[in-house]
Amino acid sequence: MLDVNNFKARRSAVTAFAALLGSVLVMSTCFAQTTPKAEASNPDKESIRKFFQSRDNNKSTRYLAVFRDLNGDGVPKAIVYLSGPQWCGSGGCHLFILQKTAGSWKTVTSMAITNPPIRVLDRQWNGWHSLGVRVQGGGIQPGYEAELRFNGRTYPKNPSVPPARRADKNLAGEVVITDADSPKLLW
């Protein structure tokens, strides 16, 4: 025997659930569509993405980009951490320091085998902030933080050999890229 009241109550509950689910799907679709546009609206981040797309066509490459004035000229430099087959090895991935010139980007330094956390240190050499990067893997155990000092033209290309050096304990600075950050796909 069919209980009409019970049937109507269940139908009403299913209808309400379907409406709620539809609202959630619409909202998540809206957020999914607006998030990339918000990121792409930053012209520097977008130009960094295009800069590296011209150097790497691997669809799995990811990047993190932050901007800091490293030399006190009032113009932020790009600190870019790339991860992907072309950019990583057993010791870590590539870190780039880029400077904006004439609407494009010029590489100040490309460093191999770096790992987060990446820090901009309070200490300066030749007018530029030193950088702190984690060195670990590729036979280096346990890991340590390396201090990368600017020599007047560039930073060291390899943080595991001189002129890079182990950072002093408790060296002050700002963490700009962590290992918990979510890198974005380059493509």
Protein backbone atom coordinates (compact mmCIF):
# COMPACT_ATOMS: atom_id res chain seq x y z
CA MET A 1 0.00 0.00 0.00
CA LEU A 2 1.42 3.37 -1.04
CA ASP A 3 1.64 6.00 1.70
CA VAL A 4 0.97 9.25 -0.22
CA ASN A 5 2.15 11.53 2.58
CA ASN A 6 5.46 9.65 2.93
CA PHE A 7 5.93 9.71 -0.86
CA LYS A 8 5.30 13.48 -1.03
CA ALA A 9 7.74 14.12 1.85
CA ARG A 10 10.47 12.07 0.15
CA ARG A 11 9.84 13.74 -3.22
CA SER A 12 10.04 17.15 -1.55
CA ALA A 13 13.33 16.23 0.16
CA VAL A 14 14.82 14.92 -3.11
CA THR A 15 13.74 18.08 -4.93
CA ALA A 16 15.30 20.29 -2.24
CA PHE A 17 18.53 18.25 -2.35
CA ALA A 18 18.67 18.49 -6.16
CA ALA A 19 18.20 22.27 -5.98
CA LEU A 20 20.97 22.56 -3.38
CA LEU A 21 23.29 20.38 -5.44
CA GLY A 22 22.53 22.46 -8.54
CA SER A 23 23.40 25.65 -6.65
CA VAL A 24 26.69 24.17 -5.45
CA LEU A 25 27.60 23.10 -8.98
CA VAL A 26 26.77 26.52 -10.41
CA MET A 27 28.81 28.25 -7.69
CA SER A 28 31.82 25.96 -8.15
CA THR A 29 31.68 26.45 -11.92
CA CYS A 30 31.63 30.21 -11.44
CA PHE A 31 34.62 30.10 -9.08
CA ALA A 32 36.51 27.76 -11.41
CA GLN A 33 35.95 30.15 -14.29
CA THR A 34 36.88 33.32 -12.40
CA THR A 35 39.99 32.11 -10.59
CA PRO A 36 42.25 31.87 -13.67
CA LYS A 37 41.06 35.26 -14.89
CA ALA A 38 42.00 36.79 -11.53
CA GLU A 39 45.52 35.32 -11.78
CA ALA A 40 45.88 36.31 -15.42
CA SER A 41 44.91 39.87 -14.56
CA ASN A 42 48.31 40.40 -12.92
CA PRO A 43 50.33 41.56 -15.97
CA ASP A 44 53.70 40.66 -14.42
CA LYS A 45 52.62 37.11 -13.57
CA GLU A 46 51.14 36.69 -17.02
CA SER A 47 54.30 37.98 -18.71
CA ILE A 48 56.43 35.63 -16.55
CA ARG A 49 54.26 32.72 -17.63
CA LYS A 50 54.68 33.65 -21.31
CA PHE A 51 58.44 34.21 -20.81
CA PHE A 52 58.84 30.60 -19.65
CA GLN A 53 56.33 29.16 -22.14
CA SER A 54 58.74 30.32 -24.85
CA ARG A 55 61.45 28.19 -23.16
CA ASP A 56 59.47 25.08 -22.23
CA ASN A 57 56.55 23.38 -23.97
CA ASN A 58 56.10 20.55 -21.45
CA LYS A 59 52.48 20.63 -20.29
CA SER A 60 53.43 19.32 -16.82
CA THR A 61 55.84 22.15 -15.94
CA ARG A 62 54.77 24.21 -12.94
CA TYR A 63 55.98 27.53 -11.58
CA LEU A 64 55.77 29.84 -8.60
CA ALA A 65 56.49 33.54 -9.07
CA VAL A 66 56.84 36.22 -6.42
CA PHE A 67 57.99 39.79 -6.76
CA ARG A 68 60.38 41.62 -4.41
CA ASP A 69 62.62 44.65 -4.74
CA LEU A 70 65.97 42.95 -4.20
CA ASN A 71 68.22 45.97 -4.83
CA GLY A 72 66.31 48.93 -3.41
CA ASP A 73 65.61 50.59 -6.77
CA GLY A 74 61.85 50.50 -6.19
CA VAL A 75 61.29 47.96 -8.98
CA PRO A 76 60.30 44.43 -7.92
CA LYS A 77 62.34 41.58 -9.40
CA ALA A 78 60.71 38.26 -10.22
CA ILE A 79 61.75 35.24 -8.14
CA VAL A 80 60.55 32.22 -10.11
CA TYR A 81 60.76 28.57 -9.04
CA LEU A 82 60.23 26.09 -11.89
CA SER A 83 59.49 22.41 -11.49
CA GLY A 84 59.24 19.91 -14.30
CA PRO A 85 61.33 17.42 -16.28
CA GLN A 86 63.49 20.13 -17.89
CA TRP A 87 64.06 22.04 -14.63
CA CYS A 88 64.55 19.46 -11.87
CA GLY A 89 67.00 16.76 -10.92
CA SER A 90 67.75 14.66 -7.86
CA GLY A 91 69.11 17.71 -6.02
CA GLY A 92 66.22 20.11 -6.66
CA CYS A 93 64.80 22.48 -9.27
CA HIS A 94 65.69 25.75 -10.99
CA LEU A 95 65.26 29.16 -9.42
CA PHE A 96 65.37 32.26 -11.59
CA ILE A 97 65.86 35.89 -10.65
CA LEU A 98 64.49 38.11 -13.41
CA GLN A 99 64.61 41.87 -13.87
CA LYS A 100 62.09 43.75 -15.98
CA THR A 101 63.68 45.76 -18.79
CA ALA A 102 61.91 47.47 -21.67
CA GLY A 103 58.67 45.57 -21.12
CA SER A 104 60.34 42.17 -21.08
CA TRP A 105 62.35 40.09 -18.60
CA LYS A 106 66.12 39.69 -18.39
CA THR A 107 67.66 36.80 -16.46
CA VAL A 108 69.83 38.04 -13.61
CA THR A 109 70.53 34.48 -12.44
CA SER A 110 69.45 30.92 -13.15
CA MET A 111 70.25 28.57 -10.26
CA ALA A 112 70.11 24.79 -10.38
CA ILE A 113 69.38 22.35 -7.54
CA THR A 114 67.41 24.64 -5.26
CA ASN A 115 64.62 23.63 -2.90
CA PRO A 116 62.10 25.63 -0.90
CA PRO A 117 61.90 27.40 1.37
CA ILE A 118 63.30 30.30 -0.65
CA ARG A 119 64.07 33.34 1.47
CA VAL A 120 65.01 36.96 0.79
CA LEU A 121 67.52 37.62 3.53
CA ASP A 122 67.93 40.92 5.36
CA ARG A 123 71.70 40.79 4.68
CA GLN A 124 72.89 42.57 1.52
CA TRP A 125 75.96 42.24 -0.71
CA ASN A 126 76.79 44.70 -3.48
CA GLY A 127 73.45 46.45 -2.96
CA TRP A 128 71.27 43.33 -3.39
CA HIS A 129 69.62 41.17 -0.75
CA SER A 130 71.16 37.76 -0.27
CA LEU A 131 68.93 34.76 -0.93
CA GLY A 132 68.49 31.65 1.18
CA VAL A 133 67.64 28.33 -0.48
CA ARG A 134 67.43 24.78 0.81
CA VAL A 135 70.13 22.42 -0.48
CA GLN A 136 69.25 18.75 -0.13
CA GLY A 137 69.14 15.55 -2.15
CA GLY A 138 71.46 14.45 -4.91
CA GLY A 139 73.80 13.03 -2.27
CA ILE A 140 73.58 16.00 0.11
CA GLN A 141 72.27 14.66 3.42
CA PRO A 142 71.25 16.16 5.72
CA GLY A 143 70.16 19.29 3.93
CA TYR A 144 70.99 22.85 4.91
CA GLU A 145 70.19 26.44 3.96
CA ALA A 146 72.66 28.06 1.56
CA GLU A 147 73.23 31.80 1.46
CA LEU A 148 73.57 33.19 -2.04
CA ARG A 149 75.32 36.55 -2.14
CA PHE A 150 75.10 38.93 -5.09
CA ASN A 151 78.58 39.54 -6.56
CA GLY A 152 77.79 42.78 -8.40
CA ARG A 153 76.46 41.04 -11.54
CA THR A 154 74.72 37.83 -10.48
CA TYR A 155 74.02 35.28 -7.76
CA PRO A 156 75.81 31.89 -7.61
CA LYS A 157 74.43 29.37 -10.11
CA ASN A 158 74.87 26.37 -7.81
CA PRO A 159 74.01 26.71 -4.11
CA SER A 160 76.00 23.60 -3.13
CA VAL A 161 79.47 24.90 -4.09
CA PRO A 162 81.42 28.14 -3.48
CA PRO A 163 80.86 31.02 -3.74
CA ALA A 164 77.56 29.89 -2.20
CA ARG A 165 77.95 29.09 1.48
CA ARG A 166 76.04 27.62 4.37
CA ALA A 167 73.81 30.27 5.87
CA ASP A 168 74.50 31.35 9.43
CA LYS A 169 72.02 30.06 11.99
CA ASN A 170 69.04 32.35 12.65
CA LEU A 171 69.81 34.63 9.70
CA ALA A 172 66.88 37.06 9.40
CA GLY A 173 64.82 37.18 6.25
CA GLU A 174 61.43 36.70 4.63
CA VAL A 175 60.22 33.35 3.31
CA VAL A 176 58.85 34.08 -0.17
CA ILE A 177 58.34 30.52 -1.50
CA THR A 178 57.53 27.56 0.75
CA ASP A 179 57.34 23.87 0.00
CA ALA A 180 53.64 24.11 0.89
CA ASP A 181 52.90 26.64 -1.89
CA SER A 182 50.84 25.36 -4.80
CA PRO A 183 52.69 25.92 -8.06
CA LYS A 184 50.64 26.84 -11.13
CA LEU A 185 50.78 25.01 -14.42
CA LEU A 186 52.86 26.88 -16.98
CA TRP A 187 50.43 25.91 -19.73
